[in-house]
Protein backbone atom coordinates (compact mmCIF):
# COMPACT_ATOMS: atom_id res chain seq x y z
CA UNK A 1 -1.29 -9.27 57.40
CA UNK A 2 -1.35 -5.90 55.76
CA UNK A 3 1.62 -4.26 55.75
CA UNK A 4 2.42 -0.24 56.85
CA UNK A 5 3.11 0.84 52.98
CA UNK A 6 -0.41 -0.39 51.95
CA UNK A 7 -1.92 1.19 55.14
CA UNK A 8 -0.40 4.41 54.47
CA UNK A 9 -1.33 4.44 50.65
CA UNK A 10 -4.92 3.53 51.92
CA UNK A 11 -5.14 6.41 54.63
CA UNK A 12 -3.84 8.61 51.67
CA UNK A 13 -6.82 7.66 49.29
CA UNK A 14 -9.18 7.97 51.89
CA UNK A 15 -7.77 11.35 52.88
CA UNK A 16 -8.07 12.45 49.56
CA UNK A 17 -11.55 11.33 49.27
CA UNK A 18 -12.41 13.08 52.62
CA UNK A 19 -10.80 16.16 51.31
CA UNK A 20 -12.89 16.39 48.05
CA UNK A 21 -15.84 15.98 50.14
CA UNK A 22 -15.15 18.48 52.51
CA UNK A 23 -14.12 20.81 49.69
CA UNK A 24 -17.90 20.64 48.61
CA UNK A 25 -19.07 21.28 52.11
CA UNK A 26 -16.75 24.73 51.93
CA UNK A 27 -13.86 23.29 54.30
CA UNK A 28 -10.84 21.36 53.65
CA UNK A 29 -8.87 18.51 55.38
CA UNK A 30 -5.12 19.10 55.82
CA UNK A 31 -2.65 16.53 57.42
CA UNK A 32 -0.32 17.80 59.79
CA UNK A 33 3.12 16.58 59.37
CA UNK A 34 4.02 16.15 62.86
CA UNK A 35 0.97 13.91 63.29
CA UNK A 36 -1.56 12.12 61.41
CA UNK A 37 -4.86 13.66 62.81
CA UNK A 38 -6.78 15.40 60.21
CA UNK A 39 -8.74 18.43 60.89
CA UNK A 40 -11.37 20.79 59.13
CA UNK A 41 -9.83 24.44 58.66
CA UNK A 42 -10.72 27.65 57.01
CA UNK A 43 -9.24 29.02 53.76
CA UNK A 44 -6.90 31.19 55.70
CA UNK A 45 -5.22 28.37 57.35
CA UNK A 46 -5.10 26.65 54.22
CA UNK A 47 -3.43 29.28 52.56
CA UNK A 48 -1.01 29.43 55.55
CA UNK A 49 -0.15 25.77 55.54
CA UNK A 50 0.31 25.98 51.55
CA UNK A 51 2.55 28.88 52.35
CA UNK A 52 4.49 26.92 54.79
CA UNK A 53 4.89 23.75 52.52
CA UNK A 54 6.12 26.00 49.81
CA UNK A 55 8.83 27.39 52.01
CA UNK A 56 9.97 24.14 53.06
CA UNK A 57 10.13 23.21 49.47
CA UNK A 58 12.14 25.75 48.21
CA UNK A 59 14.66 25.42 50.55
CA UNK A 60 15.19 21.93 49.09
CA UNK A 61 15.30 23.23 45.37
CA UNK A 62 18.78 24.18 44.05
CA UNK A 63 18.93 27.91 42.39
CA UNK A 64 20.16 28.02 38.86
CA UNK A 65 21.78 30.69 37.07
CA UNK A 66 22.89 31.04 33.56
CA UNK A 67 25.60 33.19 32.14
CA UNK A 68 28.27 33.84 29.48
CA UNK A 69 31.66 35.07 29.39
CA UNK A 70 34.07 35.83 26.39
CA UNK A 71 36.96 37.94 27.80
CA UNK A 72 39.30 35.47 26.40
CA UNK A 73 43.25 35.89 27.30
CA UNK A 74 46.07 34.00 25.41
CA UNK A 75 47.40 30.95 27.64
CA UNK A 76 50.67 29.76 25.80
CA UNK A 77 50.67 29.42 21.88
CA UNK A 78 47.41 27.36 21.38
CA UNK A 79 45.63 27.87 24.49
CA UNK A 80 43.06 30.26 25.81
CA UNK A 81 42.44 31.43 29.46
CA UNK A 82 39.15 32.70 30.89
CA UNK A 83 38.17 33.80 34.40
CA UNK A 84 34.52 33.70 35.34
CA UNK A 85 33.63 36.30 37.99
CA UNK A 86 30.65 34.64 40.22
CA UNK A 87 30.45 37.57 42.80
CA UNK A 88 27.00 38.91 41.39
CA UNK A 89 25.23 35.82 42.24
CA UNK A 90 26.51 36.29 46.11
CA UNK A 91 26.94 32.56 46.69
CA UNK A 92 28.18 31.10 50.04
CA UNK A 93 29.38 27.46 48.93
CA UNK A 94 31.11 26.61 45.76
CA UNK A 95 28.09 25.75 43.00
CA UNK A 96 28.29 22.84 40.84
CA UNK A 97 29.44 24.46 37.43
CA UNK A 98 28.45 23.22 34.08
CA UNK A 99 30.15 24.81 30.57
CA UNK A 100 30.28 24.74 27.02
CA UNK A 101 31.91 26.65 24.13
CA UNK A 102 29.38 28.25 21.87
CA UNK A 103 30.73 30.03 18.28
CA UNK A 104 30.42 29.94 14.56
CA UNK A 105 33.36 27.79 13.69
CA UNK A 106 35.89 25.58 15.11
CA UNK A 107 34.54 24.46 18.60
CA UNK A 108 35.04 21.11 17.84
CA UNK A 109 39.01 21.85 17.58
CA UNK A 110 39.17 22.61 21.36
CA UNK A 111 39.53 20.40 24.34
CA UNK A 112 39.16 21.40 27.96
CA UNK A 113 36.29 23.39 27.74
CA UNK A 114 34.46 21.47 30.37
CA UNK A 115 37.35 21.22 33.05
CA UNK A 116 36.77 23.82 35.73
CA UNK A 117 39.88 25.14 37.68
CA UNK A 118 40.06 27.33 40.93
CA UNK A 119 35.97 27.08 41.32
CA UNK A 120 34.69 29.15 44.40
CA UNK A 121 31.72 30.86 45.24
CA UNK A 122 33.34 33.98 43.62
CA UNK A 123 34.25 32.39 40.37
CA UNK A 124 36.25 29.78 38.40
CA UNK A 125 38.78 29.31 35.55
CA UNK A 126 38.79 27.36 32.18
CA UNK A 127 41.93 26.75 30.12
CA UNK A 128 41.28 25.56 26.45
CA UNK A 129 43.70 24.23 23.84
CA UNK A 130 43.14 24.62 20.13
CA UNK A 131 44.22 21.36 18.10
CA UNK A 132 45.24 23.46 14.93
CA UNK A 133 46.97 26.66 15.26
CA UNK A 134 47.52 27.86 11.65
CA UNK A 135 46.44 31.61 12.99
CA UNK A 136 46.59 33.04 16.46
CA UNK A 137 44.01 31.35 18.98
CA UNK A 138 42.85 34.42 20.54
CA UNK A 139 42.17 35.88 17.08
CA UNK A 140 40.44 32.84 16.02
CA UNK A 141 38.39 32.96 19.22
CA UNK A 142 37.37 36.72 18.55
CA UNK A 143 36.65 36.22 14.67
CA UNK A 144 34.61 33.31 15.28
CA UNK A 145 32.39 34.63 18.36
CA UNK A 146 33.47 32.03 20.81
CA UNK A 147 31.58 32.57 24.04
CA UNK A 148 31.72 30.26 27.35
CA UNK A 149 28.44 29.64 28.33
CA UNK A 150 27.85 28.28 31.85
CA UNK A 151 25.19 27.02 34.29
CA UNK A 152 25.62 27.53 37.83
CA UNK A 153 23.73 25.11 40.39
CA UNK A 154 23.69 26.52 43.70
CA UNK A 155 22.80 24.48 46.81
CA UNK A 156 23.06 27.58 49.35
CA UNK A 157 19.49 27.36 50.25
CA UNK A 158 19.32 23.66 50.51
CA UNK A 159 18.70 21.92 53.79
CA UNK A 160 20.22 18.70 54.31
CA UNK A 161 17.73 16.01 54.73
CA UNK A 162 17.46 13.88 57.87
CA UNK A 163 18.45 10.87 55.68
CA UNK A 164 21.89 12.10 54.67
CA UNK A 165 22.34 13.58 58.30
CA UNK A 166 21.66 10.14 59.72
CA UNK A 167 23.94 8.52 57.13
CA UNK A 168 26.93 10.90 57.75
CA UNK A 169 26.63 10.53 61.43
CA UNK A 170 26.65 6.96 61.34
CA UNK A 171 30.03 7.15 59.34
CA UNK A 172 31.55 9.44 61.71
CA UNK A 173 30.66 7.26 64.43
CA UNK A 174 32.13 4.13 63.02
CA UNK A 175 35.41 6.36 62.20
CA UNK A 176 35.91 6.91 66.15
């Protein structure tokens, strides 16, 4: 027999063909997510449907913020510490954080720049150590323009997918 996936693909292709045909007649077909009936609708309804779907899509896309900080503080003899304040982004959940060190020289002599500490919606800390310490590490960082660049990936606006919810609920039931 014909499997359901093939039938779904076939239905979509037929739907696209019908939509193109209806566009020529100044009307369009839209499939409703709740049921699979097709209907001919006006441009106003089309715009409303598009806006609804865009809102749903936007709720699934993580927000990204980019920033930099250079307010280094000395941390022991060969280390630096920096606190990055994220309060300006108004986050509700702890974001994913990616960091890198930018500067004119000596970046390769450091370790720890991608290690995040005390991360929260309000901020995070980074500690780096410089291998060679022939001159003061804080002075070296300032002289060579060391800047911590970061990318924040916030999933505050994301809704948990039905798949994830069902998998989580299954795991909780198994533990009981």
